Protein backbone atom coordinates (compact mmCIF):
# COMPACT_ATOMS: atom_id res chain seq x y z
CA MET A 1 -161.17 -48.08 3.71
CA LEU A 2 -162.43 -45.22 1.77
CA HIS A 3 -160.74 -42.08 2.87
CA ASP A 4 -163.58 -39.96 4.45
CA ILE A 5 -162.50 -36.19 4.08
CA GLY A 6 -165.70 -34.69 5.18
CA ALA A 7 -164.97 -35.98 8.52
CA ARG A 8 -161.59 -35.21 8.62
CA SER A 9 -162.21 -31.32 7.74
CA ARG A 10 -164.98 -31.17 9.60
CA VAL A 11 -162.49 -32.42 13.24
CA PHE A 12 -160.32 -30.15 11.71
CA GLY A 13 -163.01 -27.02 11.79
CA LEU A 14 -163.62 -28.01 15.54
CA LEU A 15 -159.99 -28.27 16.58
CA HIS A 16 -159.09 -24.63 15.20
CA GLN A 17 -162.74 -23.42 16.53
CA GLU A 18 -161.70 -24.46 19.87
CA ALA A 19 -157.90 -23.43 19.53
CA LEU A 20 -159.38 -19.52 19.00
CA VAL A 21 -161.84 -19.85 22.22
CA ALA A 22 -159.22 -21.42 24.42
CA ALA A 23 -156.41 -19.05 22.98
CA GLN A 24 -158.51 -16.09 24.09
CA ALA A 25 -159.27 -16.93 27.41
CA GLU A 26 -155.95 -18.40 28.53
CA PRO A 27 -153.55 -16.02 26.90
CA LEU A 28 -150.38 -18.11 28.28
CA LEU A 29 -151.32 -20.98 25.93
CA ALA A 30 -151.80 -18.63 22.95
CA ASP A 31 -148.56 -19.51 21.28
CA MET A 32 -149.01 -23.53 21.84
CA LEU A 33 -152.27 -23.46 20.67
CA ASN A 34 -150.88 -20.92 17.23
CA THR A 35 -148.02 -23.68 16.55
CA TYR A 36 -150.17 -27.08 16.96
CA VAL A 37 -153.36 -26.00 15.78
CA LEU A 38 -154.18 -22.15 14.49
CA SER A 39 -151.27 -21.90 11.86
CA GLN A 40 -151.35 -25.17 10.63
CA HIS A 41 -153.97 -25.72 7.16
CA HIS A 42 -155.25 -29.41 7.77
CA LEU A 43 -155.39 -31.77 10.23
CA GLU A 44 -152.19 -34.09 9.31
CA GLY A 45 -150.52 -30.89 10.19
CA CYS A 46 -151.72 -30.58 13.88
CA LEU A 47 -150.89 -34.51 14.03
CA THR A 48 -147.24 -33.84 12.82
CA THR A 49 -146.47 -31.12 14.91
CA VAL A 50 -147.93 -32.75 18.32
CA MET A 51 -146.78 -36.26 17.49
CA ALA A 52 -143.23 -34.49 16.66
CA SER A 53 -142.72 -32.39 19.63
CA THR A 54 -144.14 -35.23 22.00
CA LEU A 55 -141.50 -37.92 21.02
CA ALA A 56 -138.74 -36.13 20.05
CA ASN A 57 -135.80 -36.04 22.39
CA ARG A 58 -131.59 -35.90 22.05
CA THR A 59 -131.28 -38.44 19.45
CA LEU A 60 -134.70 -38.02 17.30
CA SER A 61 -135.10 -34.54 16.83
CA ILE A 62 -138.39 -32.71 16.26
CA GLU A 63 -136.99 -31.32 12.45
CA ALA A 64 -136.33 -35.12 11.90
CA LEU A 65 -139.60 -36.55 13.20
CA THR A 66 -141.39 -33.49 11.44
CA HIS A 67 -140.38 -34.13 8.08
CA CYS A 68 -140.67 -38.38 8.87
CA PHE A 69 -144.68 -37.82 10.13
CA GLN A 70 -145.05 -35.37 6.86
CA GLY A 71 -143.90 -38.22 5.14
CA LEU A 72 -145.77 -40.85 6.09
CA TYR A 73 -149.08 -38.84 6.36
CA GLN A 74 -148.79 -37.90 2.71
CA GLU A 75 -148.13 -41.32 1.73
CA ASN A 76 -150.37 -43.31 3.81
CA PRO A 77 -153.57 -40.45 3.44
CA VAL A 78 -155.63 -43.15 5.37
CA LEU A 79 -153.96 -42.38 8.73
CA VAL A 80 -155.24 -39.14 8.70
CA ASP A 81 -158.71 -40.33 8.44
CA ILE A 82 -158.31 -42.97 10.96
CA ALA A 83 -157.36 -40.57 13.38
CA ALA A 84 -159.98 -38.45 13.06
CA GLN A 85 -162.19 -41.68 13.72
CA ASP A 86 -160.45 -42.13 16.62
CA MET A 87 -160.40 -38.73 18.18
CA THR A 88 -164.37 -39.08 17.53
CA ALA A 89 -164.31 -42.18 19.35
CA VAL A 90 -163.04 -41.00 22.25
CA PHE A 91 -165.15 -37.71 22.16
CA GLU A 92 -168.32 -39.75 21.52
CA ARG A 93 -167.52 -42.40 24.12
CA ASP A 94 -165.32 -40.49 27.01
CA ALA A 95 -167.30 -38.87 29.56
CA ALA A 96 -164.74 -37.00 30.49
CA SER A 97 -164.23 -35.50 27.11
CA SER A 98 -166.46 -32.82 26.36
CA ASP A 99 -164.23 -30.84 23.04
CA TYR A 100 -161.99 -32.33 20.53
CA LEU A 101 -158.65 -29.98 21.44
CA PRO A 102 -157.56 -31.74 24.76
CA ILE A 103 -157.86 -34.95 22.96
CA LEU A 104 -155.63 -34.05 20.30
CA LEU A 105 -153.39 -31.98 23.00
CA TYR A 106 -153.25 -34.41 25.92
CA LEU A 107 -155.04 -37.81 25.90
CA LYS A 108 -151.78 -40.08 25.77
CA GLY A 109 -153.76 -43.09 24.90
CA PHE A 110 -155.30 -41.15 21.16
CA GLN A 111 -151.47 -39.70 20.78
CA ALA A 112 -149.49 -43.29 21.80
CA LEU A 113 -152.32 -45.06 19.23
CA GLN A 114 -151.44 -42.67 17.08
CA ALA A 115 -147.58 -42.73 17.40
CA HIS A 116 -148.16 -46.72 16.81
CA ARG A 117 -149.44 -46.24 13.81
CA LEU A 118 -147.08 -44.27 12.57
CA ALA A 119 -144.57 -46.90 13.86
CA HIS A 120 -147.21 -49.42 11.86
CA ALA A 121 -146.55 -47.62 8.37
CA LEU A 122 -142.92 -47.82 8.83
CA TRP A 123 -143.01 -51.47 10.23
CA CYS A 124 -145.26 -52.54 6.73
CA ASP A 125 -142.72 -50.39 4.62
CA ASP A 126 -139.54 -52.31 6.23
CA ARG A 127 -138.03 -49.75 7.64
CA ARG A 128 -138.25 -51.80 11.08
CA MET A 129 -135.42 -50.25 12.97
CA LEU A 130 -136.98 -46.80 12.48
CA ALA A 131 -140.29 -48.11 13.71
CA ARG A 132 -138.98 -49.35 16.53
CA ALA A 133 -137.00 -46.31 17.53
CA LEU A 134 -140.24 -44.62 17.93
CA HIS A 135 -142.40 -47.58 19.69
CA ASP A 136 -139.44 -47.36 22.29
CA ARG A 137 -140.24 -43.90 22.63
CA THR A 138 -143.90 -44.28 23.03
CA THR A 139 -143.38 -46.56 25.34
CA ARG A 140 -140.75 -44.51 27.36
CA VAL A 141 -143.08 -41.56 27.19
CA PHE A 142 -146.53 -42.51 27.26
CA GLY A 143 -146.37 -45.96 29.53
CA ILE A 144 -147.88 -47.64 26.69
CA ASP A 145 -146.68 -50.65 24.65
CA ILE A 146 -148.20 -51.52 21.29
CA HIS A 147 -145.55 -53.67 19.20
CA PRO A 148 -144.88 -52.03 15.68
CA ALA A 149 -146.22 -54.78 13.70
CA CYS A 150 -149.86 -54.99 15.91
CA ARG A 151 -152.96 -54.14 13.32
CA VAL A 152 -155.16 -51.98 15.03
CA GLY A 153 -158.66 -50.67 13.41
CA HIS A 154 -160.09 -47.42 13.09
CA GLY A 155 -162.28 -45.71 15.75
CA VAL A 156 -160.18 -47.12 18.44
CA MET A 157 -160.07 -45.87 21.71
CA LEU A 158 -157.48 -45.96 24.49
CA ASP A 159 -158.53 -44.91 27.65
CA HIS A 160 -156.38 -43.54 29.91
CA GLY A 161 -153.74 -45.86 28.70
CA THR A 162 -151.57 -46.12 31.35
CA GLY A 163 -149.83 -49.81 31.41
CA ILE A 164 -151.31 -51.03 27.86
CA VAL A 165 -148.84 -53.77 26.26
CA ILE A 166 -150.33 -55.23 23.20
CA GLY A 167 -148.14 -58.02 21.43
CA GLU A 168 -146.74 -58.25 18.34
CA THR A 169 -149.35 -60.47 16.39
CA ALA A 170 -152.36 -59.26 18.12
CA GLU A 171 -155.18 -57.65 16.25
CA ILE A 172 -157.48 -54.78 17.19
CA GLY A 173 -161.29 -54.75 14.91
CA ASP A 174 -162.70 -51.15 14.53
CA ASN A 175 -164.58 -49.46 17.19
CA VAL A 176 -162.64 -50.87 19.85
CA SER A 177 -162.36 -49.67 23.28
CA ILE A 178 -159.64 -50.64 25.63
CA MET A 179 -159.13 -49.42 29.64
CA GLN A 180 -155.65 -48.86 31.51
CA GLY A 181 -153.75 -51.72 32.51
CA VAL A 182 -154.84 -54.67 29.78
CA THR A 183 -152.55 -56.64 28.39
CA LEU A 184 -152.88 -58.78 25.07
CA GLY A 185 -150.10 -60.80 25.09
CA GLY A 186 -148.58 -64.43 24.34
CA THR A 187 -148.91 -67.70 27.10
CA GLY A 188 -144.82 -68.47 26.65
CA LYS A 189 -141.99 -68.78 24.22
CA GLU A 190 -143.49 -69.98 21.31
CA SER A 191 -143.23 -68.26 18.44
CA GLY A 192 -145.60 -67.36 15.35
CA ASP A 193 -149.24 -66.24 15.74
CA ARG A 194 -149.38 -66.22 19.49
CA HIS A 195 -151.35 -63.14 20.44
CA PRO A 196 -155.11 -62.73 20.60
CA LYS A 197 -157.57 -61.20 18.24
CA VAL A 198 -159.85 -58.70 18.81
CA ARG A 199 -162.93 -58.35 17.00
CA SER A 200 -164.69 -54.81 16.32
CA GLY A 201 -166.59 -53.52 18.90
CA VAL A 202 -165.37 -55.24 22.23
CA LEU A 203 -165.09 -53.60 25.37
CA ILE A 204 -161.61 -54.52 27.40
CA GLY A 205 -162.31 -53.46 31.34
CA ALA A 206 -159.63 -52.15 32.96
CA GLY A 207 -156.37 -54.59 34.35
CA ALA A 208 -158.06 -57.29 32.36
CA THR A 209 -155.67 -59.78 31.20
CA VAL A 210 -155.92 -61.92 27.85
CA LEU A 211 -153.44 -64.44 26.94
CA GLY A 212 -152.87 -66.53 23.42
CA ASN A 213 -153.73 -66.86 19.96
CA ILE A 214 -157.28 -66.73 20.95
CA GLU A 215 -160.41 -65.14 19.95
CA ILE A 216 -162.34 -62.39 21.37
CA GLY A 217 -165.83 -62.26 19.07
CA TYR A 218 -167.74 -59.22 17.42
CA GLY A 219 -169.53 -57.20 20.49
CA ALA A 220 -168.01 -59.01 23.10
CA GLN A 221 -167.33 -57.82 26.75
CA ILE A 222 -164.46 -58.59 29.04
CA GLY A 223 -164.49 -57.63 32.84
CA ALA A 224 -162.47 -55.41 34.55
CA GLY A 225 -159.34 -57.48 36.37
CA SER A 226 -160.55 -60.36 34.03
CA VAL A 227 -157.88 -63.38 32.88
CA VAL A 228 -158.77 -64.71 29.56
CA LEU A 229 -157.26 -67.82 28.87
CA ALA A 230 -160.16 -68.92 26.06
CA SER A 231 -161.72 -67.65 23.36
CA VAL A 232 -165.46 -66.06 24.46
CA ALA A 233 -167.86 -65.51 21.72
CA GLU A 234 -169.61 -62.80 19.94
CA HIS A 235 -172.21 -60.78 21.87
CA THR A 236 -171.09 -62.40 25.84
CA THR A 237 -169.83 -60.82 28.49
CA ALA A 238 -167.06 -62.91 30.55
CA VAL A 239 -165.39 -62.17 33.42
CA GLY A 240 -163.80 -63.42 36.01
CA ILE A 241 -159.96 -65.39 36.94
CA PRO A 242 -160.23 -67.29 34.94
CA ALA A 243 -162.59 -65.57 33.28
CA ARG A 244 -166.06 -67.27 32.60
CA GLN A 245 -168.97 -66.90 30.18
CA VAL A 246 -171.81 -65.26 32.14
CA GLY A 247 -173.95 -63.35 29.70
CA ARG A 248 -174.30 -60.86 27.14
CA PRO A 249 -173.88 -57.34 26.72
CA ARG A 250 -177.29 -55.03 26.78
CA CYS A 251 -176.33 -53.76 23.23
CA PRO A 252 -174.22 -55.20 20.01
CA SER A 253 -171.33 -52.81 20.73
CA PRO A 254 -170.28 -52.60 24.31
CA SER A 255 -167.35 -50.39 23.30
CA VAL A 256 -169.80 -47.27 22.20
CA THR A 257 -171.96 -47.28 25.21
CA MET A 258 -169.33 -48.24 27.72
CA GLU A 259 -171.58 -49.80 30.13
CA HIS A 260 -169.01 -51.69 31.97
CA GLY A 261 -171.14 -53.76 34.76
CA SER A 262 -174.31 -53.67 32.59
CA PHE A 263 -174.73 -57.31 31.06
CA GLN A 264 -177.65 -59.97 31.26
CA HIS A 265 -177.78 -63.41 32.33
CA VAL A 266 -178.47 -65.95 29.50
CA THR A 267 -178.57 -70.00 30.19
CA SER A 268 -178.98 -71.55 27.04
CA PRO A 269 -175.64 -72.53 25.79
CA GLN A 270 -176.74 -71.32 22.05
CA TRP A 271 -174.48 -68.31 22.63
CA TYR A 272 -171.80 -69.70 24.51
CA GLN A 273 -168.72 -71.21 22.72
CA GLN A 274 -166.19 -72.95 24.57
CA GLY A 275 -162.67 -71.82 23.66
CA PRO A 276 -160.23 -73.46 22.87
């Protein structure tokens, strides 16, 4: 993935503009906005300060986390580019988001995802005890549990986020949207590759449970509350307990349009793929 310096700069510019307006409108927030945004010189500074402040406790100090996160962003600048894409994904898909600043400061789905990305970088650098410590803090602070080994693409939105659980060998592609209460889990005590593979453009509705080493194909749509135990074909809508494939989303990437209840029935077997 190429570094997208333009997107990074654009998002930081918008955050700075919005923080200036907010500080003038709400003087009570001026010191906080100065610390998190206005005194920073780049997006990674904003991310570092917000994440360190949010995750710090008595054993993981703000100073220690700030030093750690600064190093991770310097060593992995693509994390900053991905954060900008994640923020833009929320801005474009979440009807409740009309500005970038609240996404950075207050949306726990976005913050938990950035914390996971930092923990994943530590995991891949074989700093696994620290990765687990950061994962533990993320779970306790946000109520969102993503194993630090899990690979997550860019432009991902965890909407609301509460109660999301994602297992160790799960994979999430690009431009995926996952609602609250979703589980991407295993099916028992087996070891090895045992969690779902969610391909790009997928929308997973609130409370859905997807279990086992199965594939949710590109552009698929999982209905709220569904229990998915078998692979779902690309560009297919699956609903129910257990989930059955009932049609197609009305667009190639339902994760972008967020049309949860919209799909077209298809009777031809050509698009249907029976899972393992």
